[in-house]
Amino acid sequence: MRYVAYYRVSTAKQGTSGLGLAAQEAAVRTFIAGEPIAAFTEVESGKRDDRPQLAAALAHAKRYKATLVIAKLDRLARDVHFISGLLKSGVEIRACDIPTANRMVLHIMAAVAEGEREMISERTKAALAAAKARGVRLGTPDSQRLARERRAAADAHAHGVRAVLDGIRVRGSTSAREIAVALNAEGVPARRGGQWHPTSVQRLLERIAKLEGRGS
């Protein structure tokens, strides 16, 4: 199988120093067990959609009937609409950090990443506004901020997986063990990556129940 590699770093300093880039290259070489037929490196923020190097990588992959490989999904983008457009390009895309992911899973994970950002941003703004209204000096300990961000990220992940979970239940898998097997079979990664287990499924079900209780 032929592979075209796409790497992205956010700053020129990272690009010239190799910071972040070397790790991406190593991940790709390990994943494909060799060297790509071509590699394209972008020095650009993940927020921007105009990516000439990404366009060139896709064109090259399409021309040589190759698979576009990236070290991590967020090296492409964190915007679900942008990812959707890439998935419709006709080029097969593989992410080293989600090796079993198909197109559906990549779309879901992009939606989860976008949801995480939006939830963290909105909750942070709301918390700061409420604190300011109470006359509290802005600024909280890092541990509290990180705890809020982790909760928001976990909520976003549960929300993204819920659609897949509903389909699994419809097919007759209802126990935590059965659901774990089905999620692993479909290539849906657990919250922190890796495989699902009955305990992690149970935590997912409890979090979804709380989300539904809050009207999410």
N, C-alpha and C. Protein backbone atom coordinates (compact mmCIF):
# COMPACT_ATOMS: atom_id res chain seq x y z
N MET A 1 0.84 -1.19 0.00
CA MET A 1 0.00 0.00 0.00
C MET A 1 0.88 1.24 0.00
N ARG A 2 0.49 2.23 -0.79
CA ARG A 2 1.24 3.48 -0.85
C ARG A 2 0.68 4.48 0.14
N TYR A 3 1.58 5.27 0.72
CA TYR A 3 1.17 6.29 1.69
C TYR A 3 1.79 7.63 1.35
N VAL A 4 1.00 8.68 1.54
CA VAL A 4 1.48 10.06 1.46
C VAL A 4 1.32 10.65 2.85
N ALA A 5 2.38 11.18 3.41
CA ALA A 5 2.33 11.70 4.78
C ALA A 5 2.04 13.20 4.77
N TYR A 6 1.24 13.61 5.77
CA TYR A 6 0.97 15.04 5.96
C TYR A 6 1.29 15.38 7.41
N TYR A 7 2.17 16.37 7.58
CA TYR A 7 2.56 16.82 8.92
C TYR A 7 2.17 18.29 9.06
N ARG A 8 1.80 18.66 10.28
CA ARG A 8 1.49 20.07 10.53
C ARG A 8 2.05 20.50 11.87
N VAL A 9 2.71 21.65 11.87
CA VAL A 9 3.15 22.29 13.10
C VAL A 9 2.55 23.69 13.13
N SER A 10 2.35 24.22 14.32
CA SER A 10 1.62 25.48 14.43
C SER A 10 2.48 26.72 14.24
N THR A 11 3.78 26.62 14.49
CA THR A 11 4.64 27.80 14.40
C THR A 11 5.87 27.51 13.56
N ALA A 12 6.46 28.58 13.05
CA ALA A 12 7.68 28.45 12.26
C ALA A 12 8.82 27.89 13.11
N LYS A 13 8.83 28.24 14.40
CA LYS A 13 9.87 27.75 15.29
C LYS A 13 9.81 26.23 15.40
N GLN A 14 8.59 25.70 15.51
CA GLN A 14 8.44 24.25 15.58
C GLN A 14 8.90 23.60 14.28
N GLY A 15 8.63 24.27 13.17
CA GLY A 15 9.02 23.72 11.87
C GLY A 15 10.52 23.68 11.68
N THR A 16 11.22 24.77 12.07
CA THR A 16 12.67 24.82 11.86
C THR A 16 13.43 24.00 12.90
N SER A 17 12.89 23.90 14.11
CA SER A 17 13.60 23.16 15.16
C SER A 17 13.29 21.67 15.12
N GLY A 18 12.19 21.32 14.44
CA GLY A 18 11.80 19.91 14.42
C GLY A 18 10.94 19.55 15.62
N LEU A 19 10.66 20.52 16.51
CA LEU A 19 9.86 20.26 17.69
C LEU A 19 8.45 19.86 17.27
N GLY A 20 8.03 18.68 17.62
CA GLY A 20 6.70 18.20 17.25
C GLY A 20 6.72 17.49 15.90
N LEU A 21 7.52 17.98 14.99
CA LEU A 21 7.60 17.40 13.65
C LEU A 21 8.27 16.03 13.69
N ALA A 22 9.36 15.91 14.44
CA ALA A 22 10.09 14.64 14.53
C ALA A 22 9.20 13.54 15.09
N ALA A 23 8.38 13.89 16.08
CA ALA A 23 7.49 12.89 16.69
C ALA A 23 6.44 12.43 15.69
N GLN A 24 5.93 13.36 14.88
CA GLN A 24 4.95 13.00 13.86
C GLN A 24 5.56 12.07 12.82
N GLU A 25 6.77 12.41 12.38
CA GLU A 25 7.45 11.59 11.38
C GLU A 25 7.70 10.17 11.91
N ALA A 26 8.13 10.09 13.17
CA ALA A 26 8.41 8.78 13.77
C ALA A 26 7.14 7.96 13.88
N ALA A 27 6.02 8.60 14.26
CA ALA A 27 4.75 7.90 14.39
C ALA A 27 4.29 7.34 13.05
N VAL A 28 4.46 8.13 11.99
CA VAL A 28 4.05 7.69 10.65
C VAL A 28 4.91 6.53 10.17
N ARG A 29 6.23 6.64 10.34
CA ARG A 29 7.12 5.56 9.90
C ARG A 29 6.81 4.25 10.61
N THR A 30 6.52 4.35 11.91
CA THR A 30 6.17 3.15 12.68
C THR A 30 4.85 2.57 12.20
N PHE A 31 3.89 3.43 11.94
CA PHE A 31 2.56 2.99 11.54
C PHE A 31 2.58 2.27 10.20
N ILE A 32 3.32 2.83 9.22
CA ILE A 32 3.31 2.23 7.89
C ILE A 32 4.46 1.25 7.69
N ALA A 33 5.30 1.12 8.73
CA ALA A 33 6.45 0.20 8.68
C ALA A 33 7.34 0.49 7.48
N GLY A 34 7.65 1.75 7.29
CA GLY A 34 8.50 2.14 6.18
C GLY A 34 8.46 3.64 5.96
N GLU A 35 8.70 4.05 4.72
CA GLU A 35 8.71 5.46 4.37
C GLU A 35 7.56 5.77 3.42
N PRO A 36 6.94 6.94 3.54
CA PRO A 36 5.88 7.33 2.60
C PRO A 36 6.47 7.66 1.23
N ILE A 37 5.65 7.60 0.19
CA ILE A 37 6.15 7.92 -1.15
C ILE A 37 6.36 9.42 -1.29
N ALA A 38 5.73 10.20 -0.43
CA ALA A 38 5.91 11.65 -0.42
C ALA A 38 5.46 12.18 0.94
N ALA A 39 5.99 13.32 1.32
CA ALA A 39 5.61 13.93 2.60
C ALA A 39 5.45 15.44 2.42
N PHE A 40 4.43 15.99 3.03
CA PHE A 40 4.13 17.41 2.92
C PHE A 40 4.00 17.98 4.34
N THR A 41 4.67 19.09 4.58
CA THR A 41 4.66 19.70 5.91
C THR A 41 4.06 21.10 5.85
N GLU A 42 3.11 21.34 6.73
CA GLU A 42 2.42 22.63 6.79
C GLU A 42 2.82 23.33 8.08
N VAL A 43 3.14 24.62 7.99
CA VAL A 43 3.37 25.44 9.18
C VAL A 43 2.19 26.39 9.27
N GLU A 44 1.17 25.97 10.00
CA GLU A 44 -0.08 26.72 10.02
C GLU A 44 -0.91 26.29 11.22
N SER A 45 -1.72 27.20 11.71
CA SER A 45 -2.63 26.90 12.81
C SER A 45 -3.73 25.95 12.33
N GLY A 46 -4.19 25.08 13.25
CA GLY A 46 -5.26 24.15 12.92
C GLY A 46 -6.59 24.84 12.71
N LYS A 47 -6.67 26.13 13.04
CA LYS A 47 -7.92 26.85 12.88
C LYS A 47 -8.14 27.31 11.44
N ARG A 48 -7.08 27.34 10.63
CA ARG A 48 -7.18 27.84 9.27
C ARG A 48 -7.53 26.72 8.30
N ASP A 49 -8.42 27.02 7.36
CA ASP A 49 -8.84 26.03 6.37
C ASP A 49 -8.03 26.08 5.08
N ASP A 50 -7.36 27.22 4.83
CA ASP A 50 -6.58 27.33 3.59
C ASP A 50 -5.19 26.71 3.83
N ARG A 51 -5.04 25.49 3.40
CA ARG A 51 -3.81 24.73 3.64
C ARG A 51 -3.23 24.26 2.30
N PRO A 52 -2.34 25.00 1.70
CA PRO A 52 -1.79 24.60 0.40
C PRO A 52 -1.06 23.26 0.44
N GLN A 53 -0.34 22.99 1.53
CA GLN A 53 0.39 21.73 1.62
C GLN A 53 -0.56 20.55 1.78
N LEU A 54 -1.65 20.75 2.51
CA LEU A 54 -2.65 19.68 2.64
C LEU A 54 -3.31 19.41 1.30
N ALA A 55 -3.62 20.49 0.57
CA ALA A 55 -4.21 20.33 -0.77
C ALA A 55 -3.27 19.57 -1.68
N ALA A 56 -1.97 19.89 -1.60
CA ALA A 56 -0.98 19.20 -2.42
C ALA A 56 -0.86 17.73 -2.02
N ALA A 57 -0.92 17.47 -0.72
CA ALA A 57 -0.83 16.08 -0.24
C ALA A 57 -2.02 15.26 -0.73
N LEU A 58 -3.21 15.84 -0.67
CA LEU A 58 -4.40 15.14 -1.14
C LEU A 58 -4.33 14.88 -2.64
N ALA A 59 -3.87 15.89 -3.39
CA ALA A 59 -3.76 15.74 -4.85
C ALA A 59 -2.75 14.64 -5.20
N HIS A 60 -1.65 14.62 -4.48
CA HIS A 60 -0.62 13.62 -4.74
C HIS A 60 -1.14 12.22 -4.41
N ALA A 61 -1.83 12.10 -3.28
CA ALA A 61 -2.38 10.80 -2.88
C ALA A 61 -3.41 10.31 -3.89
N LYS A 62 -4.22 11.24 -4.37
CA LYS A 62 -5.24 10.86 -5.35
C LYS A 62 -4.61 10.43 -6.67
N ARG A 63 -3.56 11.15 -7.07
CA ARG A 63 -2.89 10.85 -8.35
C ARG A 63 -2.26 9.45 -8.32
N TYR A 64 -1.65 9.11 -7.19
CA TYR A 64 -0.93 7.83 -7.10
C TYR A 64 -1.73 6.75 -6.37
N LYS A 65 -3.04 7.03 -6.18
CA LYS A 65 -3.92 6.06 -5.50
C LYS A 65 -3.31 5.62 -4.17
N ALA A 66 -2.88 6.60 -3.41
CA ALA A 66 -2.25 6.34 -2.12
C ALA A 66 -3.17 6.76 -0.98
N THR A 67 -2.83 6.31 0.22
CA THR A 67 -3.57 6.67 1.42
C THR A 67 -2.86 7.83 2.11
N LEU A 68 -3.62 8.85 2.50
CA LEU A 68 -3.05 9.97 3.25
C LEU A 68 -2.94 9.54 4.71
N VAL A 69 -1.75 9.65 5.28
CA VAL A 69 -1.54 9.23 6.67
C VAL A 69 -1.08 10.42 7.49
N ILE A 70 -1.64 10.54 8.69
CA ILE A 70 -1.30 11.62 9.61
C ILE A 70 -0.98 11.02 10.97
N ALA A 71 -0.15 11.70 11.74
CA ALA A 71 0.23 11.18 13.05
C ALA A 71 -0.94 11.21 14.02
N LYS A 72 -1.69 12.31 14.01
CA LYS A 72 -2.85 12.46 14.89
C LYS A 72 -3.96 13.17 14.13
N LEU A 73 -5.20 12.85 14.50
CA LEU A 73 -6.34 13.45 13.81
C LEU A 73 -6.31 14.97 13.89
N ASP A 74 -5.86 15.53 15.02
CA ASP A 74 -5.88 16.99 15.14
C ASP A 74 -4.83 17.68 14.28
N ARG A 75 -3.94 16.90 13.63
CA ARG A 75 -3.00 17.51 12.68
C ARG A 75 -3.72 17.95 11.41
N LEU A 76 -4.88 17.34 11.13
CA LEU A 76 -5.70 17.79 10.00
C LEU A 76 -6.45 19.05 10.39
N ALA A 77 -7.32 18.92 11.38
CA ALA A 77 -8.11 20.07 11.83
C ALA A 77 -8.94 19.62 13.01
N ARG A 78 -9.54 20.59 13.69
CA ARG A 78 -10.45 20.28 14.79
C ARG A 78 -11.87 20.74 14.45
N ASP A 79 -12.10 21.01 13.18
CA ASP A 79 -13.41 21.47 12.74
C ASP A 79 -14.11 20.35 11.98
N VAL A 80 -15.30 19.96 12.45
CA VAL A 80 -15.97 18.79 11.89
C VAL A 80 -16.36 19.00 10.43
N HIS A 81 -16.74 20.23 10.05
CA HIS A 81 -17.12 20.48 8.66
C HIS A 81 -15.90 20.37 7.74
N PHE A 82 -14.77 20.85 8.22
CA PHE A 82 -13.54 20.76 7.43
C PHE A 82 -13.15 19.29 7.24
N ILE A 83 -13.23 18.51 8.31
CA ILE A 83 -12.91 17.08 8.24
C ILE A 83 -13.88 16.37 7.29
N SER A 84 -15.15 16.73 7.36
CA SER A 84 -16.15 16.12 6.48
C SER A 84 -15.80 16.34 5.02
N GLY A 85 -15.34 17.55 4.70
CA GLY A 85 -14.96 17.84 3.33
C GLY A 85 -13.79 16.99 2.88
N LEU A 86 -12.83 16.78 3.78
CA LEU A 86 -11.67 15.96 3.44
C LEU A 86 -12.08 14.51 3.20
N LEU A 87 -13.01 14.01 4.02
CA LEU A 87 -13.45 12.63 3.88
C LEU A 87 -14.20 12.40 2.57
N LYS A 88 -14.72 13.49 1.99
CA LYS A 88 -15.44 13.37 0.72
C LYS A 88 -14.51 13.56 -0.49
N SER A 89 -13.22 13.74 -0.23
CA SER A 89 -12.29 14.01 -1.32
C SER A 89 -12.00 12.79 -2.18
N GLY A 90 -12.37 11.61 -1.69
CA GLY A 90 -12.09 10.39 -2.44
C GLY A 90 -10.76 9.76 -2.06
N VAL A 91 -10.02 10.39 -1.15
CA VAL A 91 -8.74 9.86 -0.70
C VAL A 91 -8.94 9.17 0.65
N GLU A 92 -8.39 7.97 0.77
CA GLU A 92 -8.46 7.25 2.04
C GLU A 92 -7.53 7.95 3.04
N ILE A 93 -8.02 8.15 4.27
CA ILE A 93 -7.25 8.84 5.29
C ILE A 93 -7.10 7.94 6.51
N ARG A 94 -5.88 7.83 7.02
CA ARG A 94 -5.61 7.04 8.21
C ARG A 94 -4.89 7.90 9.23
N ALA A 95 -5.28 7.76 10.49
CA ALA A 95 -4.65 8.49 11.59
C ALA A 95 -3.92 7.48 12.48
N CYS A 96 -2.65 7.73 12.73
CA CYS A 96 -1.84 6.78 13.51
C CYS A 96 -2.37 6.62 14.94
N ASP A 97 -2.96 7.69 15.50
CA ASP A 97 -3.44 7.59 16.89
C ASP A 97 -4.79 6.89 16.97
N ILE A 98 -5.47 6.66 15.83
CA ILE A 98 -6.73 5.91 15.81
C ILE A 98 -6.62 4.91 14.66
N PRO A 99 -5.75 3.91 14.78
CA PRO A 99 -5.41 3.05 13.64
C PRO A 99 -6.57 2.25 13.06
N THR A 100 -7.59 1.94 13.86
CA THR A 100 -8.70 1.12 13.35
C THR A 100 -9.87 1.97 12.86
N ALA A 101 -9.71 3.28 12.89
CA ALA A 101 -10.84 4.16 12.58
C ALA A 101 -11.19 4.14 11.10
N ASN A 102 -12.48 4.02 10.82
CA ASN A 102 -12.96 4.17 9.46
C ASN A 102 -13.48 5.59 9.28
N ARG A 103 -14.10 5.88 8.15
CA ARG A 103 -14.57 7.24 7.88
C ARG A 103 -15.58 7.72 8.92
N MET A 104 -16.50 6.82 9.32
CA MET A 104 -17.51 7.21 10.29
C MET A 104 -16.87 7.60 11.63
N VAL A 105 -15.90 6.81 12.07
CA VAL A 105 -15.25 7.07 13.35
C VAL A 105 -14.44 8.37 13.29
N LEU A 106 -13.74 8.61 12.18
CA LEU A 106 -12.99 9.85 12.04
C LEU A 106 -13.93 11.05 12.13
N HIS A 107 -15.10 10.92 11.51
CA HIS A 107 -16.09 12.01 11.56
C HIS A 107 -16.56 12.23 12.99
N ILE A 108 -16.83 11.14 13.69
CA ILE A 108 -17.29 11.24 15.08
C ILE A 108 -16.24 11.89 15.96
N MET A 109 -14.97 11.45 15.82
CA MET A 109 -13.92 12.00 16.65
C MET A 109 -13.69 13.48 16.36
N ALA A 110 -13.84 13.89 15.10
CA ALA A 110 -13.73 15.31 14.77
C ALA A 110 -14.84 16.09 15.44
N ALA A 111 -16.05 15.51 15.43
CA ALA A 111 -17.18 16.18 16.08
C ALA A 111 -16.96 16.28 17.59
N VAL A 112 -16.40 15.22 18.17
CA VAL A 112 -16.11 15.22 19.61
C VAL A 112 -15.08 16.30 19.94
N ALA A 113 -14.01 16.39 19.12
CA ALA A 113 -12.97 17.39 19.37
C ALA A 113 -13.54 18.80 19.27
N GLU A 114 -14.40 19.02 18.29
CA GLU A 114 -15.02 20.34 18.14
C GLU A 114 -15.95 20.62 19.32
N GLY A 115 -16.71 19.61 19.73
CA GLY A 115 -17.61 19.77 20.87
C GLY A 115 -16.86 20.07 22.15
N GLU A 116 -15.71 19.41 22.34
CA GLU A 116 -14.90 19.66 23.52
C GLU A 116 -14.47 21.12 23.58
N ARG A 117 -13.99 21.65 22.48
CA ARG A 117 -13.54 23.04 22.46
C ARG A 117 -14.68 23.99 22.77
N GLU A 118 -15.83 23.75 22.14
CA GLU A 118 -16.95 24.66 22.33
C GLU A 118 -17.47 24.62 23.77
N MET A 119 -17.57 23.41 24.33
CA MET A 119 -18.06 23.28 25.70
C MET A 119 -17.11 23.92 26.70
N ILE A 120 -15.81 23.67 26.52
CA ILE A 120 -14.83 24.26 27.43
C ILE A 120 -14.86 25.78 27.33
N SER A 121 -14.94 26.29 26.10
CA SER A 121 -14.97 27.74 25.91
C SER A 121 -16.20 28.37 26.55
N GLU A 122 -17.38 27.80 26.28
CA GLU A 122 -18.63 28.37 26.81
C GLU A 122 -18.70 28.28 28.33
N ARG A 123 -18.29 27.16 28.88
CA ARG A 123 -18.35 27.00 30.34
C ARG A 123 -17.34 27.90 31.04
N THR A 124 -16.19 28.07 30.41
CA THR A 124 -15.19 28.96 31.00
C THR A 124 -15.69 30.39 31.01
N LYS A 125 -16.30 30.83 29.89
CA LYS A 125 -16.85 32.19 29.82
C LYS A 125 -17.95 32.39 30.85
N ALA A 126 -18.83 31.39 30.98
CA ALA A 126 -19.93 31.50 31.94
C ALA A 126 -19.41 31.56 33.37
N ALA A 127 -18.42 30.73 33.68
CA ALA A 127 -17.87 30.71 35.03
C ALA A 127 -17.18 32.03 35.37
N LEU A 128 -16.44 32.59 34.40
CA LEU A 128 -15.76 33.86 34.63
C LEU A 128 -16.77 35.00 34.81
N ALA A 129 -17.83 34.97 34.00
CA ALA A 129 -18.86 36.02 34.12
C ALA A 129 -19.55 35.95 35.47
N ALA A 130 -19.88 34.73 35.91
CA ALA A 130 -20.56 34.57 37.21
C ALA A 130 -19.65 35.01 38.35
N ALA A 131 -18.37 34.65 38.26
CA ALA A 131 -17.43 35.04 39.31
C ALA A 131 -17.26 36.56 39.36
N LYS A 132 -17.19 37.17 38.19
CA LYS A 132 -17.04 38.63 38.13
C LYS A 132 -18.26 39.32 38.72
N ALA A 133 -19.44 38.76 38.44
CA ALA A 133 -20.68 39.34 38.98
C ALA A 133 -20.72 39.27 40.50
N ARG A 134 -20.10 38.24 41.06
CA ARG A 134 -20.07 38.10 42.53
C ARG A 134 -18.96 38.91 43.16
N GLY A 135 -18.17 39.56 42.32
CA GLY A 135 -17.09 40.38 42.84
C GLY A 135 -15.83 39.59 43.13
N VAL A 136 -15.77 38.37 42.63
CA VAL A 136 -14.60 37.53 42.86
C VAL A 136 -13.48 37.97 41.91
N ARG A 137 -12.27 38.01 42.45
CA ARG A 137 -11.13 38.32 41.60
C ARG A 137 -10.91 37.16 40.64
N LEU A 138 -10.81 37.49 39.37
CA LEU A 138 -10.69 36.44 38.37
C LEU A 138 -9.37 35.71 38.51
N GLY A 139 -9.43 34.43 38.18
CA GLY A 139 -8.23 33.60 38.30
C GLY A 139 -8.48 32.50 39.30
N THR A 140 -8.34 31.27 38.90
CA THR A 140 -8.56 30.12 39.79
C THR A 140 -7.35 29.23 39.74
N PRO A 141 -7.14 28.41 40.77
CA PRO A 141 -6.00 27.49 40.76
C PRO A 141 -6.04 26.58 39.54
N ASP A 142 -4.87 26.23 39.06
CA ASP A 142 -4.78 25.39 37.87
C ASP A 142 -5.52 24.07 38.05
N SER A 143 -5.49 23.52 39.26
CA SER A 143 -6.13 22.22 39.48
C SER A 143 -7.64 22.31 39.25
N GLN A 144 -8.26 23.41 39.70
CA GLN A 144 -9.70 23.58 39.49
C GLN A 144 -10.02 23.78 38.01
N ARG A 145 -9.19 24.56 37.33
CA ARG A 145 -9.42 24.79 35.91
C ARG A 145 -9.27 23.50 35.13
N LEU A 146 -8.25 22.72 35.44
CA LEU A 146 -8.04 21.46 34.74
C LEU A 146 -9.17 20.49 35.00
N ALA A 147 -9.69 20.50 36.23
CA ALA A 147 -10.80 19.60 36.56
C ALA A 147 -12.04 19.95 35.74
N ARG A 148 -12.32 21.24 35.58
CA ARG A 148 -13.46 21.68 34.78
C ARG A 148 -13.27 21.26 33.32
N GLU A 149 -12.05 21.45 32.81
CA GLU A 149 -11.79 21.10 31.42
C GLU A 149 -11.92 19.60 31.19
N ARG A 150 -11.47 18.80 32.16
CA ARG A 150 -11.58 17.34 32.02
C ARG A 150 -13.04 16.92 32.01
N ARG A 151 -13.85 17.54 32.89
CA ARG A 151 -15.28 17.20 32.92
C ARG A 151 -15.95 17.58 31.61
N ALA A 152 -15.61 18.76 31.09
CA ALA A 152 -16.20 19.21 29.83
C ALA A 152 -15.79 18.29 28.68
N ALA A 153 -14.52 17.87 28.68
CA ALA A 153 -14.05 16.97 27.63
C ALA A 153 -14.73 15.62 27.70
N ALA A 154 -14.92 15.11 28.92
CA ALA A 154 -15.58 13.82 29.09
C ALA A 154 -17.04 13.90 28.66
N ASP A 155 -17.71 15.02 28.97
CA ASP A 155 -19.10 15.21 28.54
C ASP A 155 -19.19 15.23 27.01
N ALA A 156 -18.26 15.94 26.37
CA ALA A 156 -18.27 16.03 24.91
C ALA A 156 -18.04 14.67 24.27
N HIS A 157 -17.13 13.90 24.84
CA HIS A 157 -16.86 12.56 24.30
C HIS A 157 -18.08 11.67 24.43
N ALA A 158 -18.73 11.70 25.60
CA ALA A 158 -19.94 10.89 25.81
C ALA A 158 -21.03 11.29 24.82
N HIS A 159 -21.16 12.59 24.59
CA HIS A 159 -22.17 13.07 23.65
C HIS A 159 -21.88 12.56 22.24
N GLY A 160 -20.59 12.54 21.86
CA GLY A 160 -20.24 12.09 20.53
C GLY A 160 -20.44 10.60 20.32
N VAL A 161 -20.22 9.81 21.39
CA VAL A 161 -20.34 8.36 21.27
C VAL A 161 -21.81 7.90 21.41
N ARG A 162 -22.67 8.76 21.93
CA ARG A 162 -24.04 8.36 22.23
C ARG A 162 -24.78 7.83 21.00
N ALA A 163 -24.57 8.44 19.84
CA ALA A 163 -25.25 7.99 18.62
C ALA A 163 -24.84 6.57 18.26
N VAL A 164 -23.55 6.28 18.38
CA VAL A 164 -23.07 4.92 18.10
C VAL A 164 -23.64 3.95 19.11
N LEU A 165 -23.68 4.37 20.36
CA LEU A 165 -24.20 3.52 21.43
C LEU A 165 -25.66 3.17 21.20
N ASP A 166 -26.45 4.14 20.76
CA ASP A 166 -27.87 3.87 20.49
C ASP A 166 -28.03 2.79 19.42
N GLY A 167 -27.19 2.86 18.38
CA GLY A 167 -27.25 1.86 17.32
C GLY A 167 -26.88 0.48 17.83
N ILE A 168 -25.90 0.41 18.73
CA ILE A 168 -25.48 -0.87 19.30
C ILE A 168 -26.61 -1.47 20.13
N ARG A 169 -27.30 -0.63 20.89
CA ARG A 169 -28.40 -1.13 21.72
C ARG A 169 -29.55 -1.65 20.87
N VAL A 170 -29.82 -0.94 19.77
CA VAL A 170 -30.89 -1.37 18.87
C VAL A 170 -30.60 -2.76 18.33
N ARG A 171 -29.33 -3.06 18.11
CA ARG A 171 -28.95 -4.37 17.57
C ARG A 171 -28.96 -5.47 18.63
N GLY A 172 -29.28 -5.12 19.87
CA GLY A 172 -29.46 -6.13 20.91
C GLY A 172 -28.37 -6.24 21.94
N SER A 173 -27.32 -5.43 21.84
CA SER A 173 -26.25 -5.47 22.85
C SER A 173 -26.60 -4.48 23.95
N THR A 174 -26.85 -4.99 25.16
CA THR A 174 -27.31 -4.11 26.23
C THR A 174 -26.43 -4.13 27.47
N SER A 175 -25.71 -5.23 27.72
CA SER A 175 -24.86 -5.28 28.91
C SER A 175 -23.58 -4.48 28.65
N ALA A 176 -22.91 -4.08 29.74
CA ALA A 176 -21.68 -3.30 29.60
C ALA A 176 -20.62 -4.09 28.83
N ARG A 177 -20.55 -5.39 29.08
CA ARG A 177 -19.55 -6.22 28.39
C ARG A 177 -19.86 -6.30 26.89
N GLU A 178 -21.14 -6.52 26.54
CA GLU A 178 -21.53 -6.60 25.14
C GLU A 178 -21.28 -5.28 24.41
N ILE A 179 -21.58 -4.17 25.08
CA ILE A 179 -21.38 -2.85 24.47
C ILE A 179 -19.90 -2.59 24.25
N ALA A 180 -19.06 -2.99 25.22
CA ALA A 180 -17.61 -2.81 25.10
C ALA A 180 -17.09 -3.56 23.88
N VAL A 181 -17.54 -4.80 23.70
CA VAL A 181 -17.12 -5.60 22.55
C VAL A 181 -17.54 -4.94 21.25
N ALA A 182 -18.78 -4.42 21.21
CA ALA A 182 -19.30 -3.80 19.99
C ALA A 182 -18.56 -2.50 19.67
N LEU A 183 -18.28 -1.68 20.67
CA LEU A 183 -17.55 -0.42 20.44
C LEU A 183 -16.14 -0.71 19.92
N ASN A 184 -15.49 -1.71 20.49
CA ASN A 184 -14.14 -2.07 20.03
C ASN A 184 -14.19 -2.60 18.60
N ALA A 185 -15.23 -3.38 18.30
CA ALA A 185 -15.36 -3.94 16.95
C ALA A 185 -15.56 -2.85 15.90
N GLU A 186 -16.22 -1.75 16.29
CA GLU A 186 -16.48 -0.65 15.35
C GLU A 186 -15.33 0.35 15.30
N GLY A 187 -14.32 0.12 16.11
CA GLY A 187 -13.15 1.00 16.07
C GLY A 187 -13.32 2.32 16.77
N VAL A 188 -14.31 2.41 17.67
CA VAL A 188 -14.53 3.66 18.41
C VAL A 188 -13.60 3.67 19.62
N PRO A 189 -12.67 4.62 19.70
CA PRO A 189 -11.73 4.64 20.82
C PRO A 189 -12.38 5.10 22.12
N ALA A 190 -11.89 4.61 23.24
CA ALA A 190 -12.36 5.04 24.55
C ALA A 190 -11.90 6.48 24.79
N ARG A 191 -12.38 7.07 25.87
CA ARG A 191 -12.12 8.48 26.15
C ARG A 191 -10.63 8.81 26.09
N ARG A 192 -9.79 7.99 26.69
CA ARG A 192 -8.36 8.24 26.72
C ARG A 192 -7.61 7.40 25.69
N GLY A 193 -8.35 6.92 24.69
CA GLY A 193 -7.74 6.08 23.68
C GLY A 193 -7.75 4.63 24.13
N GLY A 194 -7.38 3.74 23.25
CA GLY A 194 -7.33 2.34 23.63
C GLY A 194 -8.68 1.66 23.55
N GLN A 195 -8.79 0.52 24.24
CA GLN A 195 -9.96 -0.33 24.15
C GLN A 195 -11.00 0.00 25.24
N TRP A 196 -12.23 -0.37 24.93
CA TRP A 196 -13.32 -0.25 25.91
C TRP A 196 -13.34 -1.49 26.80
N HIS A 197 -13.73 -1.29 28.05
CA HIS A 197 -13.91 -2.38 29.01
C HIS A 197 -15.26 -2.17 29.70
N PRO A 198 -15.82 -3.21 30.31
CA PRO A 198 -17.12 -3.03 30.98
C PRO A 198 -17.15 -1.85 31.95
N THR A 199 -16.04 -1.63 32.68
CA THR A 199 -16.03 -0.52 33.64
C THR A 199 -16.08 0.83 32.94
N SER A 200 -15.34 0.98 31.82
CA SER A 200 -15.36 2.25 31.11
C SER A 200 -16.71 2.47 30.43
N VAL A 201 -17.35 1.39 29.98
CA VAL A 201 -18.69 1.50 29.41
C VAL A 201 -19.68 1.94 30.48
N GLN A 202 -19.54 1.38 31.67
CA GLN A 202 -20.45 1.75 32.76
C GLN A 202 -20.31 3.22 33.10
N ARG A 203 -19.07 3.72 33.13
CA ARG A 203 -18.87 5.15 33.38
C ARG A 203 -19.48 5.99 32.27
N LEU A 204 -19.36 5.50 31.03
CA LEU A 204 -19.97 6.22 29.89
C LEU A 204 -21.48 6.29 30.05
N LEU A 205 -22.11 5.17 30.41
CA LEU A 205 -23.56 5.14 30.57
C LEU A 205 -24.01 6.08 31.69
N GLU A 206 -23.25 6.12 32.77
CA GLU A 206 -23.59 7.01 33.89
C GLU A 206 -23.47 8.47 33.48
N ARG A 207 -22.43 8.78 32.70
CA ARG A 207 -22.25 10.17 32.27
C ARG A 207 -23.36 10.58 31.30
N ILE A 208 -23.74 9.67 30.39
CA ILE A 208 -24.81 9.97 29.45
C ILE A 208 -26.12 10.20 30.20
N ALA A 209 -26.35 9.40 31.24
CA ALA A 209 -27.57 9.56 32.05
C ALA A 209 -27.60 10.95 32.71
N LYS A 210 -26.44 11.41 33.17
CA LYS A 210 -26.36 12.73 33.79
C LYS A 210 -26.59 13.83 32.75
N LEU A 211 -26.03 13.63 31.55
CA LEU A 211 -26.24 14.60 30.48
C LEU A 211 -27.71 14.71 30.12
N GLU A 212 -28.37 13.54 30.02
CA GLU A 212 -29.79 13.53 29.69
C GLU A 212 -30.61 14.18 30.81
N GLY A 213 -30.15 14.01 32.06
CA GLY A 213 -30.85 14.63 33.19
C GLY A 213 -30.74 16.14 33.18
N ARG A 214 -29.62 16.62 32.55
CA ARG A 214 -29.42 18.08 32.46
C ARG A 214 -30.05 18.64 31.18
N GLY A 215 -30.66 17.72 30.38
CA GLY A 215 -31.31 18.17 29.15
C GLY A 215 -30.34 18.34 28.02
N SER A 216 -29.17 17.62 28.07
CA SER A 216 -28.18 17.73 27.00
C SER A 216 -28.65 16.97 25.78
